[in-house]
Amino acid sequence: MAEVVREPIRAEAAGALRILHLEGQVTVASARRLLEVARRLGKDGREVSVRCEHLTHIDCAGVQVLLALHETLRGQGARLRLQNLPESVQQTLRVAGLADAW
């Protein structure tokens, strides 16, 4: 049986809500993919929920993309919500001074 490999950065629609799934490590190496997905999500002007339960690490490039998406959505009257943040990711946001940004 073939193993199913899931995309570590992917988006889906659930009614009016848009869900962004982040898994594994989101680093400068994957920032381009995250930026592409974020741009599509930002065009909708709908609330985005970022599911992070399988995220193990995010670097400053990933945080910058999420922050830009947050600002884009806020300008359209929508919001970005980070959910199920692992402690390691919360620590990264605290160090960056962004723990309360979302």
Protein backbone atom coordinates (compact mmCIF):
# COMPACT_ATOMS: atom_id res chain seq x y z
CA MET A 1 0.00 0.00 0.00
CA ALA A 2 1.34 3.43 -0.96
CA GLU A 3 1.89 5.97 1.77
CA VAL A 4 -0.17 9.15 1.47
CA VAL A 5 2.07 12.21 1.60
CA ARG A 6 0.26 15.39 2.54
CA GLU A 7 1.31 18.85 1.49
CA PRO A 8 2.79 20.63 4.56
CA ILE A 9 1.20 23.94 3.51
CA ARG A 10 -2.32 23.68 2.17
CA ALA A 11 -5.60 25.57 2.25
CA GLU A 12 -9.20 24.50 2.15
CA ALA A 13 -12.60 26.16 2.24
CA ALA A 14 -15.18 25.27 4.87
CA GLY A 15 -18.21 27.42 4.13
CA ALA A 16 -17.28 31.05 4.73
CA LEU A 17 -14.14 30.03 6.62
CA ARG A 18 -10.79 29.41 4.98
CA ILE A 19 -8.44 26.97 6.72
CA LEU A 20 -4.68 27.06 6.31
CA HIS A 21 -2.92 23.90 7.47
CA LEU A 22 0.75 24.14 8.44
CA GLU A 23 2.71 20.97 9.17
CA GLY A 24 6.32 20.14 9.95
CA GLN A 25 8.77 22.98 9.53
CA VAL A 26 7.84 26.23 7.82
CA THR A 27 11.12 27.91 6.99
CA VAL A 28 12.63 30.17 4.37
CA ALA A 29 12.77 27.08 2.12
CA SER A 30 8.96 26.82 2.14
CA ALA A 31 8.16 30.53 2.44
CA ARG A 32 7.48 30.88 -1.29
CA ARG A 33 4.79 28.18 -1.11
CA LEU A 34 3.29 29.79 2.01
CA LEU A 35 3.29 33.18 0.27
CA GLU A 36 1.46 31.74 -2.76
CA VAL A 37 -1.22 30.19 -0.55
CA ALA A 38 -1.47 33.34 1.60
CA ARG A 39 -1.98 35.54 -1.46
CA ARG A 40 -4.89 33.37 -2.61
CA LEU A 41 -6.42 33.44 0.86
CA GLY A 42 -5.96 37.20 1.14
CA LYS A 43 -7.95 37.80 -2.04
CA ASP A 44 -11.06 36.19 -0.53
CA GLY A 45 -11.41 38.69 2.30
CA ARG A 46 -12.73 35.92 4.53
CA GLU A 47 -11.68 34.76 7.96
CA VAL A 48 -8.70 32.41 7.91
CA SER A 49 -8.05 29.82 10.59
CA VAL A 50 -4.45 28.58 10.68
CA ARG A 51 -4.28 25.05 12.08
CA CYS A 52 -0.89 24.49 13.65
CA GLU A 53 -1.24 21.27 15.64
CA HIS A 54 1.25 19.49 13.34
CA LEU A 55 3.62 22.44 13.00
CA THR A 56 6.97 21.75 14.64
CA HIS A 57 8.88 24.92 13.71
CA ILE A 58 8.34 28.26 11.99
CA ASP A 59 11.12 30.71 11.26
CA CYS A 60 11.01 34.48 10.71
CA ALA A 61 10.19 34.09 6.98
CA GLY A 62 7.05 32.09 7.80
CA VAL A 63 6.07 34.49 10.58
CA GLN A 64 6.46 37.45 8.19
CA VAL A 65 4.13 35.85 5.64
CA LEU A 66 1.50 35.15 8.32
CA LEU A 67 1.81 38.69 9.63
CA ALA A 68 1.34 40.11 6.12
CA LEU A 69 -1.73 37.91 5.62
CA HIS A 70 -3.06 39.08 9.00
CA GLU A 71 -2.68 42.73 7.97
CA THR A 72 -4.26 42.11 4.55
CA LEU A 73 -7.28 40.41 6.08
CA ARG A 74 -7.63 43.02 8.79
CA GLY A 75 -7.76 45.72 6.11
CA GLN A 76 -10.70 43.84 4.57
CA GLY A 77 -12.55 43.47 7.86
CA ALA A 78 -11.62 39.79 8.28
CA ARG A 79 -9.28 38.10 10.72
CA LEU A 80 -6.56 35.52 10.95
CA ARG A 81 -6.69 33.08 13.87
CA LEU A 82 -3.83 30.80 14.84
CA GLN A 83 -5.06 27.59 16.45
CA ASN A 84 -3.43 24.74 18.35
CA LEU A 85 0.01 26.31 18.53
CA PRO A 86 2.69 23.98 19.88
CA GLU A 87 4.79 25.44 22.69
CA SER A 88 7.85 25.71 20.42
CA VAL A 89 5.91 27.89 17.96
CA GLN A 90 4.46 30.01 20.79
CA GLN A 91 8.02 30.57 22.00
CA THR A 92 9.11 31.73 18.54
CA LEU A 93 6.24 34.23 18.46
CA ARG A 94 7.11 35.46 21.98
CA VAL A 95 10.75 36.00 20.99
CA ALA A 96 9.60 37.91 17.89
CA GLY A 97 7.31 40.04 20.07
CA LEU A 98 4.23 38.75 18.23
CA ALA A 99 2.65 36.46 20.82
CA ASP A 100 -0.38 38.76 21.11
CA ALA A 101 -0.55 39.87 17.45
CA TRP A 102 -3.23 37.35 16.61
